[in-house]
Amino acid sequence: MIPVGILGRALPWTESDYLALGDTAQRIELLDGGLLIGPSPSVRHQVIVGGLLVALERGCARTSRTVLPVINLRLNAVRILNPDLVVATELDFEASCVPADAVLLVGEVAAPHTAVIDRVLKPHLYAAAGIEWYLLVDQESLTVRLHQRQGGQYLERATTKRGEVLELTEPVRATIRPEDLVP
């Protein structure tokens, strides 16, 4: 169910309007004065995100970095997205959003209904915000793709499929095995 006050509301939405929504059952993101509304993630999606968090946490624990699941990520004053995970540097524990300049890596788990957003729109927005690394996992095939920003876009640096291993050295040391992401 879409939260009361969204339908029929005049555009544009501001950051304060967006943050006033509070916690919702749907994933709601602010994009250029409008809202991008998606369904709650599936169990498979959440299990994969959990596996990624475990894999990245080991590397973060050895550094002054933190891995966080779904968080308000402020790309700019009119864009707040909710990536599946981020690896961040300094955090303000009282803030409603993590600023893009504190994020070293952003991760998304693409499902069939979010594929275009996760493969086209979000990488474009994350790269434009200056986030160095983009990790994309295909929920169906468990293919893991690591991208690095070059200019205003991402270039694929590694593709890892079942039976293979992705060894991250940046922004944290981590080992990701696609088959370990689901039981």
Protein backbone atom coordinates (compact mmCIF):
# COMPACT_ATOMS: atom_id res chain seq x y z
CA MET A 1 0.00 0.00 0.00
CA ILE A 2 1.35 3.41 -0.95
CA PRO A 3 1.68 5.74 2.05
CA VAL A 4 -1.08 8.29 2.60
CA GLY A 5 -0.21 11.68 1.17
CA ILE A 6 1.71 10.47 -1.88
CA LEU A 7 -1.11 10.04 -4.38
CA GLY A 8 -2.47 13.29 -5.74
CA ARG A 9 0.29 15.37 -4.17
CA ALA A 10 1.67 18.15 -6.35
CA LEU A 11 5.23 17.99 -7.63
CA PRO A 12 8.03 18.68 -6.96
CA TRP A 13 8.95 16.72 -3.86
CA THR A 14 11.72 18.25 -1.76
CA GLU A 15 14.23 16.47 0.44
CA SER A 16 12.29 17.49 3.55
CA ASP A 17 9.00 16.21 2.02
CA TYR A 18 10.70 12.94 1.19
CA LEU A 19 12.26 12.50 4.63
CA ALA A 20 8.91 13.29 6.27
CA LEU A 21 7.54 10.04 4.76
CA GLY A 22 9.56 8.12 7.35
CA ASP A 23 9.78 4.32 7.13
CA THR A 24 7.57 2.71 4.51
CA ALA A 25 6.86 -0.84 3.35
CA GLN A 26 7.88 0.07 -0.20
CA ARG A 27 11.23 1.27 -1.39
CA ILE A 28 10.69 4.94 -2.17
CA GLU A 29 13.44 7.11 -3.66
CA LEU A 30 13.57 10.82 -4.49
CA LEU A 31 14.55 11.53 -8.07
CA ASP A 32 14.56 15.09 -9.41
CA GLY A 33 11.43 16.15 -7.54
CA GLY A 34 9.49 12.95 -8.20
CA LEU A 35 9.28 9.64 -6.39
CA LEU A 36 10.50 6.28 -7.66
CA ILE A 37 8.37 3.67 -5.87
CA GLY A 38 9.17 -0.04 -5.91
CA PRO A 39 7.95 -3.12 -4.09
CA SER A 40 9.60 -4.50 -1.00
CA PRO A 41 12.53 -6.78 -1.87
CA SER A 42 12.01 -10.54 -2.12
CA VAL A 43 13.46 -13.02 0.36
CA ARG A 44 16.06 -14.14 -2.22
CA HIS A 45 17.09 -10.52 -2.76
CA GLN A 46 17.54 -9.93 0.96
CA VAL A 47 19.52 -13.15 1.43
CA ILE A 48 21.92 -12.07 -1.35
CA VAL A 49 22.31 -8.63 0.24
CA GLY A 50 23.04 -10.35 3.57
CA GLY A 51 25.72 -12.49 1.94
CA LEU A 52 27.34 -9.41 0.42
CA LEU A 53 27.28 -7.62 3.78
CA VAL A 54 29.06 -10.56 5.44
CA ALA A 55 31.69 -10.70 2.69
CA LEU A 56 32.35 -6.94 2.82
CA GLU A 57 32.22 -6.62 6.61
CA ARG A 58 35.46 -8.57 7.05
CA GLY A 59 37.35 -6.03 4.94
CA CYS A 60 35.63 -3.07 6.53
CA ALA A 61 36.50 -4.31 10.03
CA ARG A 62 40.20 -3.98 9.18
CA THR A 63 39.76 -0.37 8.07
CA SER A 64 37.86 2.66 9.21
CA ARG A 65 35.05 1.84 6.78
CA THR A 66 31.51 0.71 7.40
CA VAL A 67 29.21 -1.41 5.26
CA LEU A 68 25.53 -0.53 5.57
CA PRO A 69 22.41 -2.14 4.12
CA VAL A 70 19.63 -0.04 2.54
CA ILE A 71 20.22 3.56 3.55
CA ASN A 72 19.16 6.99 2.33
CA LEU A 73 22.03 8.01 0.06
CA ARG A 74 21.99 11.72 -0.82
CA LEU A 75 23.42 12.17 -4.29
CA ASN A 76 22.41 15.84 -4.33
CA ALA A 77 19.58 18.08 -3.08
CA VAL A 78 16.97 16.46 -5.35
CA ARG A 79 18.23 12.86 -5.46
CA ILE A 80 18.10 10.44 -2.56
CA LEU A 81 18.36 6.78 -3.52
CA ASN A 82 18.19 3.62 -1.41
CA PRO A 83 20.93 1.30 -2.65
CA ASP A 84 21.03 -2.25 -1.33
CA LEU A 85 24.33 -1.51 0.39
CA VAL A 86 27.11 1.03 0.67
CA VAL A 87 30.67 1.02 1.95
CA ALA A 88 31.23 4.38 3.60
CA THR A 89 33.98 6.29 5.35
CA GLU A 90 33.02 8.82 8.00
CA LEU A 91 29.41 8.64 9.17
CA ASP A 92 27.22 11.07 11.07
CA PHE A 93 25.09 8.77 13.21
CA GLU A 94 22.46 11.49 13.68
CA ALA A 95 22.00 12.20 9.96
CA SER A 96 18.97 11.09 7.95
CA CYS A 97 21.12 10.49 4.86
CA VAL A 98 24.64 9.42 3.99
CA PRO A 99 26.22 11.94 1.60
CA ALA A 100 27.64 10.59 -1.67
CA ASP A 101 31.10 11.94 -0.87
CA ALA A 102 31.30 9.57 2.13
CA VAL A 103 30.55 6.49 -0.05
CA LEU A 104 33.34 4.46 -1.64
CA LEU A 105 31.23 1.61 -3.06
CA VAL A 106 27.53 1.25 -3.77
CA GLY A 107 25.91 -2.12 -4.38
CA GLU A 108 22.65 -3.20 -5.99
CA VAL A 109 21.03 -6.61 -6.43
CA ALA A 110 19.12 -6.55 -9.71
CA ALA A 111 15.86 -8.44 -10.00
CA PRO A 112 13.94 -8.83 -13.26
CA HIS A 113 11.61 -5.93 -12.37
CA THR A 114 14.49 -3.59 -11.40
CA ALA A 115 17.01 -4.57 -14.08
CA VAL A 116 16.80 -1.38 -16.17
CA ILE A 117 16.96 0.86 -13.12
CA ASP A 118 19.90 -1.06 -11.59
CA ARG A 119 21.84 -1.51 -14.86
CA VAL A 120 21.22 1.85 -16.54
CA LEU A 121 19.70 4.61 -14.39
CA LYS A 122 21.37 4.08 -11.03
CA PRO A 123 24.92 3.56 -12.33
CA HIS A 124 24.58 6.80 -14.27
CA LEU A 125 23.40 8.67 -11.15
CA TYR A 126 26.02 7.10 -8.85
CA ALA A 127 28.86 7.88 -11.27
CA ALA A 128 27.65 11.47 -11.69
CA ALA A 129 27.71 11.80 -7.88
CA GLY A 130 31.37 10.70 -7.85
CA ILE A 131 31.03 7.27 -6.21
CA GLU A 132 34.13 5.32 -7.26
CA TRP A 133 32.90 1.71 -7.22
CA TYR A 134 29.62 0.07 -8.27
CA LEU A 135 28.89 -3.58 -7.44
CA LEU A 136 25.97 -5.19 -9.27
CA VAL A 137 24.66 -8.68 -8.59
CA ASP A 138 22.13 -10.33 -10.89
CA GLN A 139 19.63 -11.98 -8.56
CA GLU A 140 18.77 -14.78 -10.97
CA SER A 141 22.20 -15.84 -12.29
CA LEU A 142 24.23 -14.66 -9.26
CA THR A 143 26.67 -12.98 -11.64
CA VAL A 144 28.64 -10.30 -9.78
CA ARG A 145 29.94 -7.33 -11.74
CA LEU A 146 32.39 -4.81 -10.30
CA HIS A 147 32.57 -1.41 -11.99
CA GLN A 148 34.96 1.48 -11.42
CA ARG A 149 34.15 5.08 -12.24
CA GLN A 150 36.07 6.67 -15.05
CA GLY A 151 34.94 10.22 -15.69
CA GLY A 152 31.16 10.32 -15.60
CA GLN A 153 30.58 6.61 -16.18
CA TYR A 154 31.47 3.17 -14.90
CA LEU A 155 33.72 0.68 -16.63
CA GLU A 156 33.38 -2.99 -15.81
CA ARG A 157 36.52 -4.26 -14.06
CA ALA A 158 35.44 -7.81 -13.22
CA THR A 159 32.64 -10.27 -13.91
CA THR A 160 32.33 -13.24 -11.58
CA LYS A 161 29.98 -16.19 -12.09
CA ARG A 162 29.16 -19.27 -10.02
CA GLY A 163 32.30 -21.30 -9.40
CA GLU A 164 34.52 -18.21 -9.66
CA VAL A 165 35.87 -15.84 -7.03
CA LEU A 166 35.92 -12.05 -6.97
CA GLU A 167 38.88 -10.76 -4.96
CA LEU A 168 38.35 -7.11 -4.10
CA THR A 169 41.36 -5.03 -3.16
CA GLU A 170 39.56 -1.66 -3.33
CA PRO A 171 37.83 -0.02 -1.54
CA VAL A 172 38.15 -2.89 0.95
CA ARG A 173 39.72 -6.32 0.81
CA ALA A 174 36.98 -8.89 0.36
CA THR A 175 36.34 -12.24 -1.25
CA ILE A 176 32.97 -12.78 -2.92
CA ARG A 177 31.89 -16.19 -4.15
CA PRO A 178 28.52 -16.00 -5.93
CA GLU A 179 27.40 -19.43 -4.74
CA ASP A 180 27.97 -18.31 -1.11
CA LEU A 181 25.42 -15.52 -1.48
CA VAL A 182 22.47 -17.92 -1.22
CA PRO A 183 22.16 -21.07 0.90
